[in-house]
């Protein structure tokens, strides 16, 4: 009489676990790099939306808008002449504000203030953002059109 054996031996199981572990170890750096790139793209889009909201509020509601950029807190704050109006965004973990453009006087925390006047000229505002891998993006408001744009920084 023949006995048929069913199941998996311990050596087969260890071999499968080793192969899965090896595949996870090889793909981990690519996955984390992709996540860092997504965070940078998301942060850039958030800053564009934030600038758009400030520009629209100044123009459509005819309100004075102050935008405060804080490098140390990695945040942007918007205040209005309207009582109680305050908006704030914080950049995700791993995203830093490298520089505030144009270069100029920075406050103690490395931040800057910009004022948007109703019917006034759009100020030159730009933020250079970077992730942990060193990939950089510049979010800049075009002073002629008043439209925020994202630029890729190559070779840094």
N, C-alpha and C. Protein backbone atom coordinates (compact mmCIF):
# COMPACT_ATOMS: atom_id res chain seq x y z
N UNK A 1 0.83 -1.17 0.00
CA UNK A 1 0.00 0.00 0.00
C UNK A 1 0.88 1.24 0.00
N UNK A 2 0.53 2.20 -0.85
CA UNK A 2 1.30 3.43 -1.00
C UNK A 2 0.72 4.51 -0.11
N UNK A 3 1.63 5.18 0.58
CA UNK A 3 1.18 6.33 1.41
C UNK A 3 1.48 7.61 0.65
N UNK A 4 0.51 8.44 0.51
CA UNK A 4 0.76 9.74 -0.11
C UNK A 4 0.94 10.77 1.00
N UNK A 5 1.97 11.54 0.86
CA UNK A 5 2.20 12.56 1.89
C UNK A 5 1.73 13.91 1.35
N UNK A 6 1.01 14.59 2.17
CA UNK A 6 0.50 15.91 1.82
C UNK A 6 1.08 16.93 2.76
N UNK A 7 1.12 18.20 2.30
CA UNK A 7 1.61 19.26 3.16
C UNK A 7 2.93 19.81 2.66
N UNK A 8 3.51 20.62 3.47
CA UNK A 8 4.74 21.31 3.13
C UNK A 8 5.78 20.99 4.18
N UNK A 9 6.98 20.74 3.73
CA UNK A 9 8.04 20.45 4.69
C UNK A 9 8.58 21.76 5.25
N UNK A 10 9.28 21.67 6.33
CA UNK A 10 9.85 22.84 6.98
C UNK A 10 10.86 23.53 6.06
N UNK A 11 11.64 22.78 5.34
CA UNK A 11 12.65 23.38 4.45
C UNK A 11 11.97 24.13 3.31
N UNK A 12 10.90 23.61 2.76
CA UNK A 12 10.17 24.32 1.71
C UNK A 12 9.60 25.63 2.23
N UNK A 13 9.06 25.58 3.42
CA UNK A 13 8.48 26.79 4.03
C UNK A 13 9.56 27.84 4.28
N UNK A 14 10.71 27.44 4.80
CA UNK A 14 11.81 28.38 5.04
C UNK A 14 12.32 28.99 3.73
N UNK A 15 12.34 28.20 2.68
CA UNK A 15 12.79 28.70 1.38
C UNK A 15 11.82 29.77 0.85
N UNK A 16 10.53 29.55 0.97
CA UNK A 16 9.54 30.53 0.51
C UNK A 16 9.65 31.82 1.34
N UNK A 17 9.78 31.69 2.64
CA UNK A 17 9.90 32.87 3.51
C UNK A 17 11.18 33.65 3.16
N UNK A 18 12.26 32.96 2.89
CA UNK A 18 13.52 33.64 2.53
C UNK A 18 13.37 34.39 1.21
N UNK A 19 12.70 33.79 0.23
CA UNK A 19 12.50 34.46 -1.06
C UNK A 19 11.62 35.70 -0.90
N UNK A 20 10.55 35.60 -0.14
CA UNK A 20 9.67 36.75 0.10
C UNK A 20 10.43 37.85 0.83
N UNK A 21 11.24 37.50 1.82
CA UNK A 21 12.04 38.49 2.54
C UNK A 21 13.04 39.18 1.64
N UNK A 22 13.66 38.43 0.75
CA UNK A 22 14.62 39.00 -0.19
C UNK A 22 13.93 39.97 -1.15
N UNK A 23 12.75 39.61 -1.64
CA UNK A 23 12.01 40.50 -2.53
C UNK A 23 11.60 41.79 -1.81
N UNK A 24 11.18 41.68 -0.56
CA UNK A 24 10.80 42.86 0.21
C UNK A 24 12.00 43.77 0.44
N UNK A 25 13.15 43.18 0.75
CA UNK A 25 14.35 43.98 1.00
C UNK A 25 14.82 44.71 -0.26
N UNK A 26 14.69 44.08 -1.40
CA UNK A 26 15.11 44.69 -2.65
C UNK A 26 14.17 45.82 -3.06
N UNK A 27 12.87 45.64 -2.84
CA UNK A 27 11.91 46.65 -3.29
C UNK A 27 11.69 47.78 -2.30
N UNK A 28 12.13 47.66 -1.07
CA UNK A 28 11.88 48.69 -0.05
C UNK A 28 12.44 50.06 -0.42
N UNK A 29 13.68 50.21 -0.87
CA UNK A 29 14.18 51.55 -1.23
C UNK A 29 13.37 52.22 -2.34
N UNK A 30 12.93 51.44 -3.31
CA UNK A 30 12.13 52.01 -4.41
C UNK A 30 10.78 52.50 -3.89
N UNK A 31 10.20 51.76 -2.98
CA UNK A 31 8.90 52.16 -2.42
C UNK A 31 9.04 53.43 -1.59
N UNK A 32 10.06 53.52 -0.74
CA UNK A 32 10.23 54.72 0.09
C UNK A 32 10.56 55.94 -0.77
N UNK A 33 11.33 55.73 -1.83
CA UNK A 33 11.62 56.85 -2.74
C UNK A 33 10.36 57.34 -3.41
N UNK A 34 9.51 56.42 -3.80
CA UNK A 34 8.23 56.80 -4.41
C UNK A 34 7.34 57.55 -3.44
N UNK A 35 7.34 57.13 -2.20
CA UNK A 35 6.52 57.82 -1.18
C UNK A 35 7.05 59.23 -0.95
N UNK A 36 8.38 59.40 -0.90
CA UNK A 36 8.96 60.74 -0.74
C UNK A 36 8.59 61.64 -1.91
N UNK A 37 8.60 61.09 -3.12
CA UNK A 37 8.22 61.88 -4.29
C UNK A 37 6.76 62.28 -4.24
N UNK A 38 5.91 61.37 -3.79
CA UNK A 38 4.48 61.69 -3.65
C UNK A 38 4.25 62.77 -2.60
N UNK A 39 4.99 62.71 -1.50
CA UNK A 39 4.87 63.75 -0.46
C UNK A 39 5.27 65.11 -1.00
N UNK A 40 6.36 65.16 -1.78
CA UNK A 40 6.81 66.42 -2.34
C UNK A 40 5.79 66.97 -3.34
N UNK A 41 5.25 66.10 -4.18
CA UNK A 41 4.23 66.55 -5.14
C UNK A 41 2.98 67.04 -4.42
N UNK A 42 2.57 66.33 -3.39
CA UNK A 42 1.39 66.73 -2.61
C UNK A 42 1.62 68.06 -1.91
N UNK A 43 2.80 68.24 -1.31
CA UNK A 43 3.11 69.49 -0.62
C UNK A 43 3.15 70.65 -1.62
N UNK A 44 3.72 70.43 -2.80
CA UNK A 44 3.77 71.48 -3.82
C UNK A 44 2.36 71.88 -4.25
N UNK A 45 1.50 70.88 -4.47
CA UNK A 45 0.11 71.16 -4.85
C UNK A 45 -0.63 71.91 -3.75
N UNK A 46 -0.36 71.55 -2.49
CA UNK A 46 -1.01 72.25 -1.37
C UNK A 46 -0.59 73.71 -1.30
N UNK A 47 0.69 73.98 -1.54
CA UNK A 47 1.18 75.36 -1.50
C UNK A 47 0.58 76.17 -2.65
N UNK A 48 0.46 75.55 -3.84
CA UNK A 48 -0.18 76.23 -4.97
C UNK A 48 -1.62 76.59 -4.62
N UNK A 49 -2.36 75.64 -4.06
CA UNK A 49 -3.76 75.89 -3.67
C UNK A 49 -3.85 76.99 -2.61
N UNK A 50 -2.90 76.98 -1.68
CA UNK A 50 -2.88 77.98 -0.61
C UNK A 50 -2.66 79.38 -1.19
N UNK A 51 -1.67 79.50 -2.08
CA UNK A 51 -1.42 80.80 -2.73
C UNK A 51 -2.62 81.24 -3.56
N UNK A 52 -3.23 80.31 -4.29
CA UNK A 52 -4.42 80.63 -5.08
C UNK A 52 -5.54 81.15 -4.19
N UNK A 53 -5.75 80.51 -3.05
CA UNK A 53 -6.81 80.94 -2.14
C UNK A 53 -6.54 82.36 -1.64
N UNK A 54 -5.29 82.66 -1.30
CA UNK A 54 -4.96 84.01 -0.85
C UNK A 54 -5.14 85.06 -1.93
N UNK A 55 -4.68 84.75 -3.13
CA UNK A 55 -4.82 85.69 -4.25
C UNK A 55 -6.28 85.92 -4.60
N UNK A 56 -7.07 84.84 -4.61
CA UNK A 56 -8.50 84.97 -4.91
C UNK A 56 -9.23 85.77 -3.83
N UNK A 57 -8.90 85.52 -2.59
CA UNK A 57 -9.56 86.24 -1.50
C UNK A 57 -9.23 87.73 -1.56
N UNK A 58 -7.99 88.07 -1.85
CA UNK A 58 -7.61 89.48 -1.94
C UNK A 58 -8.34 90.17 -3.09
N UNK A 59 -8.44 89.48 -4.22
CA UNK A 59 -9.04 90.09 -5.40
C UNK A 59 -10.57 90.09 -5.35
N UNK A 60 -11.16 88.97 -5.02
CA UNK A 60 -12.62 88.87 -5.09
C UNK A 60 -13.34 89.48 -3.90
N UNK A 61 -12.75 89.36 -2.73
CA UNK A 61 -13.39 89.91 -1.54
C UNK A 61 -12.84 91.28 -1.16
N UNK A 62 -11.86 91.73 -1.92
CA UNK A 62 -11.24 93.03 -1.67
C UNK A 62 -10.75 93.15 -0.23
N UNK A 63 -10.00 92.14 0.20
CA UNK A 63 -9.47 92.12 1.55
C UNK A 63 -7.95 92.08 1.52
N UNK A 64 -7.35 92.71 2.50
CA UNK A 64 -5.91 92.65 2.67
C UNK A 64 -5.56 91.27 3.23
N UNK A 65 -4.61 90.60 2.60
CA UNK A 65 -4.22 89.25 3.01
C UNK A 65 -2.73 89.25 3.37
N UNK A 66 -2.42 88.65 4.51
CA UNK A 66 -1.02 88.47 4.92
C UNK A 66 -0.71 86.98 4.90
N UNK A 67 0.37 86.63 4.21
CA UNK A 67 0.84 85.25 4.18
C UNK A 67 2.18 85.20 4.92
N UNK A 68 2.24 84.34 5.93
CA UNK A 68 3.46 84.18 6.72
C UNK A 68 4.02 82.79 6.44
N UNK A 69 5.29 82.75 6.00
CA UNK A 69 5.96 81.48 5.73
C UNK A 69 6.98 81.26 6.84
N UNK A 70 6.89 80.14 7.52
CA UNK A 70 7.81 79.81 8.61
C UNK A 70 8.64 78.59 8.22
N UNK A 71 9.94 78.82 8.03
CA UNK A 71 10.83 77.71 7.68
C UNK A 71 10.98 76.73 8.84
N UNK A 72 11.12 77.25 10.05
CA UNK A 72 11.37 76.39 11.21
C UNK A 72 10.17 75.50 11.53
N UNK A 73 8.95 76.02 11.32
CA UNK A 73 7.75 75.23 11.61
C UNK A 73 7.25 74.50 10.38
N UNK A 74 7.88 74.73 9.20
CA UNK A 74 7.46 74.15 7.94
C UNK A 74 5.98 74.37 7.70
N UNK A 75 5.57 75.65 7.82
CA UNK A 75 4.14 75.96 7.68
C UNK A 75 3.93 77.29 6.97
N UNK A 76 2.69 77.47 6.49
CA UNK A 76 2.25 78.72 5.89
C UNK A 76 0.96 79.12 6.60
N UNK A 77 0.85 80.41 6.93
CA UNK A 77 -0.33 80.91 7.60
C UNK A 77 -0.87 82.09 6.81
N UNK A 78 -2.20 82.14 6.70
CA UNK A 78 -2.85 83.23 5.97
C UNK A 78 -3.82 83.93 6.92
N UNK A 79 -3.70 85.25 6.97
CA UNK A 79 -4.62 86.07 7.76
C UNK A 79 -5.26 87.09 6.86
N UNK A 80 -6.44 87.52 7.25
CA UNK A 80 -7.18 88.49 6.45
C UNK A 80 -7.60 89.65 7.33
N UNK A 81 -8.05 90.71 6.68
CA UNK A 81 -8.60 91.83 7.44
C UNK A 81 -9.98 91.48 7.98
N UNK A 82 -10.55 90.38 7.50
CA UNK A 82 -11.83 89.90 8.01
C UNK A 82 -11.62 89.28 9.39
N UNK A 83 -12.44 89.63 10.31
CA UNK A 83 -12.30 89.16 11.68
C UNK A 83 -12.47 87.63 11.75
N UNK A 84 -11.54 86.98 12.41
CA UNK A 84 -11.61 85.54 12.62
C UNK A 84 -11.10 84.68 11.48
N UNK A 85 -10.67 85.29 10.40
CA UNK A 85 -10.19 84.49 9.26
C UNK A 85 -8.73 84.11 9.48
N UNK A 86 -8.46 82.81 9.50
CA UNK A 86 -7.10 82.30 9.65
C UNK A 86 -7.02 80.93 8.98
N UNK A 87 -6.07 80.75 8.10
CA UNK A 87 -5.83 79.47 7.45
C UNK A 87 -4.37 79.11 7.65
N UNK A 88 -4.11 77.81 7.83
CA UNK A 88 -2.74 77.37 8.06
C UNK A 88 -2.56 75.99 7.44
N UNK A 89 -1.43 75.80 6.78
CA UNK A 89 -1.07 74.46 6.33
C UNK A 89 0.32 74.14 6.84
N UNK A 90 0.51 72.89 7.20
CA UNK A 90 1.83 72.40 7.61
C UNK A 90 2.28 71.39 6.57
N UNK A 91 3.54 71.47 6.21
CA UNK A 91 4.07 70.55 5.22
C UNK A 91 4.23 69.17 5.84
N UNK A 92 4.08 68.11 5.04
CA UNK A 92 4.19 66.76 5.58
C UNK A 92 5.60 66.47 6.10
N UNK A 93 5.69 65.46 6.93
CA UNK A 93 6.97 65.02 7.48
C UNK A 93 7.91 64.66 6.33
N UNK A 94 9.15 65.12 6.41
CA UNK A 94 10.12 64.82 5.37
C UNK A 94 10.22 65.89 4.29
N UNK A 95 9.35 66.90 4.33
CA UNK A 95 9.40 67.99 3.36
C UNK A 95 9.84 69.25 4.09
N UNK A 96 10.85 69.92 3.55
CA UNK A 96 11.39 71.12 4.18
C UNK A 96 11.31 72.31 3.24
N UNK A 97 11.21 73.49 3.82
CA UNK A 97 11.30 74.74 3.05
C UNK A 97 12.78 75.10 3.01
N UNK A 98 13.39 74.96 1.85
CA UNK A 98 14.83 75.22 1.70
C UNK A 98 15.10 76.72 1.66
N UNK A 99 14.32 77.44 0.85
CA UNK A 99 14.51 78.88 0.74
C UNK A 99 13.20 79.55 0.39
N UNK A 100 13.14 80.83 0.74
CA UNK A 100 11.99 81.67 0.43
C UNK A 100 12.47 82.68 -0.60
N UNK A 101 11.79 82.72 -1.73
CA UNK A 101 12.21 83.57 -2.83
C UNK A 101 11.28 84.77 -2.97
N UNK A 102 11.76 85.91 -3.41
CA UNK A 102 13.16 86.23 -3.66
C UNK A 102 13.93 86.35 -2.35
N UNK A 103 15.23 86.15 -2.46
CA UNK A 103 16.07 86.27 -1.27
C UNK A 103 15.90 87.66 -0.68
N UNK A 104 15.80 87.73 0.62
CA UNK A 104 15.59 89.03 1.26
C UNK A 104 15.70 88.90 2.76
N UNK A 105 15.12 89.86 3.43
CA UNK A 105 15.18 89.86 4.89
C UNK A 105 14.29 88.76 5.44
N UNK A 106 14.89 87.91 6.23
CA UNK A 106 14.13 86.86 6.89
C UNK A 106 14.02 87.20 8.36
N UNK A 107 12.96 86.72 8.98
CA UNK A 107 12.74 86.97 10.39
C UNK A 107 13.57 86.00 11.22
N UNK A 108 13.44 86.07 12.53
CA UNK A 108 14.26 85.26 13.42
C UNK A 108 14.12 83.76 13.18
N UNK A 109 12.92 83.31 12.87
CA UNK A 109 12.71 81.88 12.66
C UNK A 109 13.00 81.46 11.22
N UNK A 110 13.54 82.37 10.44
CA UNK A 110 13.85 82.07 9.05
C UNK A 110 12.65 82.23 8.14
N UNK A 111 11.59 82.85 8.64
CA UNK A 111 10.37 83.02 7.86
C UNK A 111 10.28 84.38 7.21
N UNK A 112 9.21 84.57 6.45
CA UNK A 112 8.97 85.84 5.78
C UNK A 112 7.48 86.13 5.77
N UNK A 113 7.15 87.40 5.58
CA UNK A 113 5.76 87.85 5.47
C UNK A 113 5.56 88.49 4.11
N UNK A 114 4.42 88.16 3.51
CA UNK A 114 4.03 88.76 2.24
C UNK A 114 2.63 89.32 2.40
N UNK A 115 2.37 90.47 1.78
CA UNK A 115 1.06 91.10 1.86
C UNK A 115 0.46 91.18 0.46
N UNK A 116 -0.78 90.73 0.36
CA UNK A 116 -1.52 90.79 -0.90
C UNK A 116 -2.56 91.90 -0.77
N UNK A 117 -2.43 92.92 -1.62
CA UNK A 117 -3.35 94.05 -1.58
C UNK A 117 -4.45 93.86 -2.61
N UNK A 118 -5.69 94.20 -2.26
CA UNK A 118 -6.77 94.12 -3.24
C UNK A 118 -6.50 95.08 -4.40
N UNK A 119 -6.52 94.56 -5.62
CA UNK A 119 -6.26 95.40 -6.78
C UNK A 119 -4.81 95.80 -6.94
N UNK A 120 -3.95 95.29 -6.08
CA UNK A 120 -2.54 95.67 -6.13
C UNK A 120 -1.72 94.73 -6.98
N UNK A 121 -0.46 95.03 -7.08
CA UNK A 121 0.47 94.20 -7.84
C UNK A 121 0.74 92.92 -7.05
N UNK A 122 0.78 91.81 -7.74
CA UNK A 122 1.06 90.53 -7.09
C UNK A 122 2.54 90.49 -6.71
N UNK A 123 2.85 90.25 -5.44
CA UNK A 123 4.27 90.21 -5.05
C UNK A 123 4.95 88.95 -5.57
N UNK A 124 6.26 89.04 -5.69
CA UNK A 124 7.03 87.86 -6.08
C UNK A 124 7.13 86.97 -4.85
N UNK A 125 6.48 85.84 -4.91
CA UNK A 125 6.52 84.87 -3.82
C UNK A 125 7.01 83.56 -4.40
N UNK A 126 7.94 82.93 -3.73
CA UNK A 126 8.40 81.62 -4.16
C UNK A 126 8.91 80.82 -2.99
N UNK A 127 8.66 79.53 -3.01
CA UNK A 127 9.18 78.63 -1.98
C UNK A 127 9.91 77.49 -2.67
N UNK A 128 11.10 77.20 -2.19
CA UNK A 128 11.82 76.03 -2.67
C UNK A 128 11.64 74.93 -1.64
N UNK A 129 11.01 73.85 -2.06
CA UNK A 129 10.72 72.72 -1.19
C UNK A 129 11.63 71.56 -1.56
N UNK A 130 12.00 70.74 -0.56
CA UNK A 130 12.84 69.57 -0.82
C UNK A 130 12.40 68.41 0.06
N UNK A 131 12.60 67.19 -0.47
CA UNK A 131 12.33 66.02 0.35
C UNK A 131 13.64 65.45 0.88
N UNK A 132 13.58 64.33 1.58
CA UNK A 132 14.78 63.74 2.19
C UNK A 132 15.80 63.28 1.17
N UNK A 133 15.35 62.91 -0.01
CA UNK A 133 16.25 62.43 -1.06
C UNK A 133 16.95 63.57 -1.78
N UNK A 134 16.56 64.84 -1.49
CA UNK A 134 17.19 65.98 -2.13
C UNK A 134 16.46 66.47 -3.37
N UNK A 135 15.35 65.83 -3.73
CA UNK A 135 14.57 66.30 -4.86
C UNK A 135 13.92 67.63 -4.49
N UNK A 136 13.97 68.59 -5.40
CA UNK A 136 13.47 69.94 -5.10
C UNK A 136 12.44 70.40 -6.09
N UNK A 137 11.54 71.22 -5.59
CA UNK A 137 10.52 71.89 -6.41
C UNK A 137 10.44 73.34 -5.94
N UNK A 138 10.19 74.23 -6.89
CA UNK A 138 9.96 75.64 -6.55
C UNK A 138 8.52 75.96 -6.89
N UNK A 139 7.79 76.45 -5.90
CA UNK A 139 6.43 76.94 -6.12
C UNK A 139 6.56 78.45 -6.15
N UNK A 140 6.21 79.04 -7.30
CA UNK A 140 6.43 80.46 -7.50
C UNK A 140 5.16 81.09 -8.08
N UNK A 141 4.82 82.29 -7.59
CA UNK A 141 3.71 83.04 -8.14
C UNK A 141 4.26 83.93 -9.24
N UNK A 142 3.74 83.77 -10.43
CA UNK A 142 4.15 84.59 -11.57
C UNK A 142 3.61 86.00 -11.35
N UNK A 143 4.49 87.02 -11.23
CA UNK A 143 4.01 88.38 -10.93
C UNK A 143 3.22 89.01 -12.07
N UNK A 144 3.35 88.51 -13.28
CA UNK A 144 2.62 89.08 -14.41
C UNK A 144 1.20 88.51 -14.48
N UNK A 145 1.09 87.19 -14.40
CA UNK A 145 -0.23 86.56 -14.51
C UNK A 145 -0.91 86.37 -13.16
N UNK A 146 -0.12 86.32 -12.08
CA UNK A 146 -0.69 86.08 -10.75
C UNK A 146 -1.07 84.63 -10.53
N UNK A 147 -0.49 83.73 -11.32
CA UNK A 147 -0.81 82.31 -11.23
C UNK A 147 0.37 81.56 -10.60
N UNK A 148 0.11 80.80 -9.53
CA UNK A 148 1.18 79.98 -8.94
C UNK A 148 1.55 78.83 -9.86
N UNK A 149 2.86 78.53 -9.94
CA UNK A 149 3.37 77.48 -10.80
C UNK A 149 4.38 76.64 -10.04
N UNK A 150 4.51 75.39 -10.45
CA UNK A 150 5.51 74.50 -9.86
C UNK A 150 6.62 74.27 -10.87
N UNK A 151 7.86 74.48 -10.44
CA UNK A 151 9.03 74.26 -11.30
C UNK A 151 9.87 73.16 -10.71
N UNK A 152 10.38 72.30 -11.55
CA UNK A 152 11.31 71.26 -11.10
C UNK A 152 12.72 71.84 -11.10
N UNK A 153 13.46 71.55 -10.06
CA UNK A 153 14.86 72.00 -9.97
C UNK A 153 15.73 70.83 -10.35
N UNK A 154 16.51 71.00 -11.39
CA UNK A 154 17.37 69.92 -11.90
C UNK A 154 18.80 70.09 -11.39
N UNK A 155 19.44 68.98 -11.14
CA UNK A 155 20.86 68.98 -10.85
C UNK A 155 21.28 69.47 -9.49
N UNK A 156 20.40 69.51 -8.50
CA UNK A 156 20.81 69.94 -7.17
C UNK A 156 20.80 68.77 -6.24
